[in-house]
């Protein structure tokens, strides 16, 4: 019984600490055009998928709105570099661009 309570409590703590991964919409794609003129909703969705699949591999997903456009432009290449070093080049240049587009757009910058 004690093990079950511990497991349930741990699951609750982990779930509460995880950041919600924002789903891009057509409205987001339209807003992103001022910063990224060629961006599409498909690009934002691809960026979300990269964020979901790779950015939580080494640390919990960050709250996207916590960082500004400037911060995401600094963070993204560094983290992609670390990810590619650790996981044998899983994110190419196009994927890095989509990830940055997603993060900047969804951060509200």
C-alpha atoms as a PDB file:
ATOM      1  CA  UNK A   1       0.000   0.000   0.000  1.00  0.00           C
ATOM      2  CA  UNK A   2       2.797   2.416   0.905  1.00  0.00           C
ATOM      3  CA  UNK A   3       4.503   1.763  -2.465  1.00  0.00           C
ATOM      4  CA  UNK A   4       1.300   2.601  -4.321  1.00  0.00           C
ATOM      5  CA  UNK A   5       0.877   5.883  -2.422  1.00  0.00           C
ATOM      6  CA  UNK A   6       4.515   6.796  -3.056  1.00  0.00           C
ATOM      7  CA  UNK A   7       4.199   6.042  -6.788  1.00  0.00           C
ATOM      8  CA  UNK A   8       0.987   8.050  -7.073  1.00  0.00           C
ATOM      9  CA  UNK A   9       2.528  11.000  -5.218  1.00  0.00           C
ATOM     10  CA  UNK A  10       5.641  10.913  -7.390  1.00  0.00           C
ATOM     11  CA  UNK A  11       3.534  10.833 -10.559  1.00  0.00           C
ATOM     12  CA  UNK A  12       1.558  13.836  -9.370  1.00  0.00           C
ATOM     13  CA  UNK A  13       4.700  15.839  -8.588  1.00  0.00           C
ATOM     14  CA  UNK A  14       6.218  15.023 -11.992  1.00  0.00           C
ATOM     15  CA  UNK A  15       2.980  15.871 -13.825  1.00  0.00           C
ATOM     16  CA  UNK A  16       2.630  19.192 -12.033  1.00  0.00           C
ATOM     17  CA  UNK A  17       6.228  20.146 -12.800  1.00  0.00           C
ATOM     18  CA  UNK A  18       5.973  19.470 -16.532  1.00  0.00           C
ATOM     19  CA  UNK A  19       5.336  22.446 -18.784  1.00  0.00           C
ATOM     20  CA  UNK A  20       2.386  22.292 -21.136  1.00  0.00           C
ATOM     21  CA  UNK A  21       3.497  21.987 -24.745  1.00  0.00           C
ATOM     22  CA  UNK A  22       1.619  24.613 -26.717  1.00  0.00           C
ATOM     23  CA  UNK A  23      -0.185  23.624 -29.927  1.00  0.00           C
ATOM     24  CA  UNK A  24       0.354  26.093 -32.793  1.00  0.00           C
ATOM     25  CA  UNK A  25      -2.672  27.367 -34.715  1.00  0.00           C
ATOM     26  CA  UNK A  26      -3.305  29.254 -37.949  1.00  0.00           C
ATOM     27  CA  UNK A  27      -3.493  32.422 -35.849  1.00  0.00           C
ATOM     28  CA  UNK A  28       0.025  31.743 -34.528  1.00  0.00           C
ATOM     29  CA  UNK A  29       1.278  31.119 -38.075  1.00  0.00           C
ATOM     30  CA  UNK A  30      -0.207  34.421 -39.246  1.00  0.00           C
ATOM     31  CA  UNK A  31       1.353  36.280 -36.307  1.00  0.00           C
ATOM     32  CA  UNK A  32       4.727  34.632 -36.957  1.00  0.00           C
ATOM     33  CA  UNK A  33       4.893  36.027 -40.498  1.00  0.00           C
ATOM     34  CA  UNK A  34       6.113  39.388 -39.183  1.00  0.00           C
ATOM     35  CA  UNK A  35       9.234  37.686 -37.816  1.00  0.00           C
ATOM     36  CA  UNK A  36       9.461  34.692 -40.178  1.00  0.00           C
ATOM     37  CA  UNK A  37       7.804  35.699 -43.501  1.00  0.00           C
ATOM     38  CA  UNK A  38       7.969  32.200 -45.033  1.00  0.00           C
ATOM     39  CA  UNK A  39       6.702  30.275 -41.970  1.00  0.00           C
ATOM     40  CA  UNK A  40       3.714  27.959 -42.299  1.00  0.00           C
ATOM     41  CA  UNK A  41       1.539  26.184 -39.776  1.00  0.00           C
ATOM     42  CA  UNK A  42       3.270  22.956 -40.870  1.00  0.00           C
ATOM     43  CA  UNK A  43       6.641  24.510 -39.938  1.00  0.00           C
ATOM     44  CA  UNK A  44       5.350  25.427 -36.488  1.00  0.00           C
ATOM     45  CA  UNK A  45       3.921  21.936 -36.006  1.00  0.00           C
ATOM     46  CA  UNK A  46       7.242  20.397 -37.078  1.00  0.00           C
ATOM     47  CA  UNK A  47       9.011  22.658 -34.575  1.00  0.00           C
ATOM     48  CA  UNK A  48       6.603  21.538 -31.867  1.00  0.00           C
ATOM     49  CA  UNK A  49       7.307  17.904 -32.716  1.00  0.00           C
ATOM     50  CA  UNK A  50      11.058  18.488 -32.469  1.00  0.00           C
ATOM     51  CA  UNK A  51      10.566  20.257 -29.138  1.00  0.00           C
ATOM     52  CA  UNK A  52       8.388  17.424 -27.871  1.00  0.00           C
ATOM     53  CA  UNK A  53      10.674  14.617 -29.068  1.00  0.00           C
ATOM     54  CA  UNK A  54      14.109  16.025 -28.309  1.00  0.00           C
ATOM     55  CA  UNK A  55      14.030  18.885 -25.816  1.00  0.00           C
ATOM     56  CA  UNK A  56      12.692  16.743 -23.014  1.00  0.00           C
ATOM     57  CA  UNK A  57      15.344  14.080 -23.506  1.00  0.00           C
ATOM     58  CA  UNK A  58      17.863  15.617 -21.102  1.00  0.00           C
ATOM     59  CA  UNK A  59      15.745  17.956 -18.972  1.00  0.00           C
ATOM     60  CA  UNK A  60      12.062  18.690 -18.335  1.00  0.00           C
ATOM     61  CA  UNK A  61      10.358  20.769 -21.017  1.00  0.00           C
ATOM     62  CA  UNK A  62      10.688  24.461 -20.270  1.00  0.00           C
ATOM     63  CA  UNK A  63       7.748  26.842 -20.171  1.00  0.00           C
ATOM     64  CA  UNK A  64       8.120  28.419 -23.614  1.00  0.00           C
ATOM     65  CA  UNK A  65       6.728  31.785 -22.540  1.00  0.00           C
ATOM     66  CA  UNK A  66       9.443  32.061 -19.883  1.00  0.00           C
ATOM     67  CA  UNK A  67      11.973  33.150 -22.518  1.00  0.00           C
ATOM     68  CA  UNK A  68      12.015  36.048 -24.995  1.00  0.00           C
ATOM     69  CA  UNK A  69      12.799  35.901 -28.699  1.00  0.00           C
ATOM     70  CA  UNK A  70      16.342  37.064 -27.987  1.00  0.00           C
ATOM     71  CA  UNK A  71      16.813  34.359 -25.376  1.00  0.00           C
ATOM     72  CA  UNK A  72      15.401  31.628 -27.655  1.00  0.00           C
ATOM     73  CA  UNK A  73      17.737  32.779 -30.443  1.00  0.00           C
ATOM     74  CA  UNK A  74      20.663  32.250 -28.045  1.00  0.00           C
ATOM     75  CA  UNK A  75      19.418  29.057 -26.403  1.00  0.00           C
ATOM     76  CA  UNK A  76      18.245  27.127 -29.467  1.00  0.00           C
ATOM     77  CA  UNK A  77      21.546  26.734 -31.360  1.00  0.00           C
ATOM     78  CA  UNK A  78      23.360  25.778 -28.151  1.00  0.00           C
ATOM     79  CA  UNK A  79      20.795  23.152 -27.209  1.00  0.00           C
ATOM     80  CA  UNK A  80      20.569  21.776 -30.765  1.00  0.00           C
ATOM     81  CA  UNK A  81      24.359  21.452 -30.741  1.00  0.00           C
ATOM     82  CA  UNK A  82      24.282  19.551 -27.442  1.00  0.00           C
ATOM     83  CA  UNK A  83      21.421  17.352 -28.650  1.00  0.00           C
ATOM     84  CA  UNK A  84      23.188  16.572 -31.921  1.00  0.00           C
ATOM     85  CA  UNK A  85      26.422  15.742 -30.108  1.00  0.00           C
ATOM     86  CA  UNK A  86      24.672  13.445 -27.665  1.00  0.00           C
ATOM     87  CA  UNK A  87      22.250  11.798 -30.112  1.00  0.00           C
ATOM     88  CA  UNK A  88      24.274  11.742 -33.347  1.00  0.00           C
ATOM     89  CA  UNK A  89      22.906  14.694 -35.344  1.00  0.00           C
ATOM     90  CA  UNK A  90      19.169  14.130 -34.948  1.00  0.00           C
ATOM     91  CA  UNK A  91      18.219  17.759 -35.741  1.00  0.00           C
ATOM     92  CA  UNK A  92      19.279  19.164 -39.117  1.00  0.00           C
ATOM     93  CA  UNK A  93      19.456  22.859 -40.080  1.00  0.00           C
ATOM     94  CA  UNK A  94      15.858  22.912 -41.343  1.00  0.00           C
ATOM     95  CA  UNK A  95      14.682  21.303 -38.109  1.00  0.00           C
ATOM     96  CA  UNK A  96      16.614  23.827 -36.047  1.00  0.00           C
ATOM     97  CA  UNK A  97      14.934  26.644 -37.985  1.00  0.00           C
ATOM     98  CA  UNK A  98      11.483  25.107 -37.417  1.00  0.00           C
ATOM     99  CA  UNK A  99      12.230  24.648 -33.721  1.00  0.00           C
ATOM    100  CA  UNK A 100      13.298  28.283 -33.398  1.00  0.00           C
ATOM    101  CA  UNK A 101      10.222  29.464 -35.301  1.00  0.00           C
ATOM    102  CA  UNK A 102       7.994  27.453 -32.967  1.00  0.00           C
ATOM    103  CA  UNK A 103       9.704  28.640 -29.778  1.00  0.00           C
ATOM    104  CA  UNK A 104       9.788  32.314 -30.762  1.00  0.00           C
ATOM    105  CA  UNK A 105       6.199  32.281 -32.019  1.00  0.00           C
ATOM    106  CA  UNK A 106       4.752  30.458 -29.040  1.00  0.00           C
ATOM    107  CA  UNK A 107       6.731  32.536 -26.543  1.00  0.00           C
ATOM    108  CA  UNK A 108       4.617  35.500 -27.568  1.00  0.00           C
ATOM    109  CA  UNK A 109       7.675  37.504 -28.590  1.00  0.00           C
END
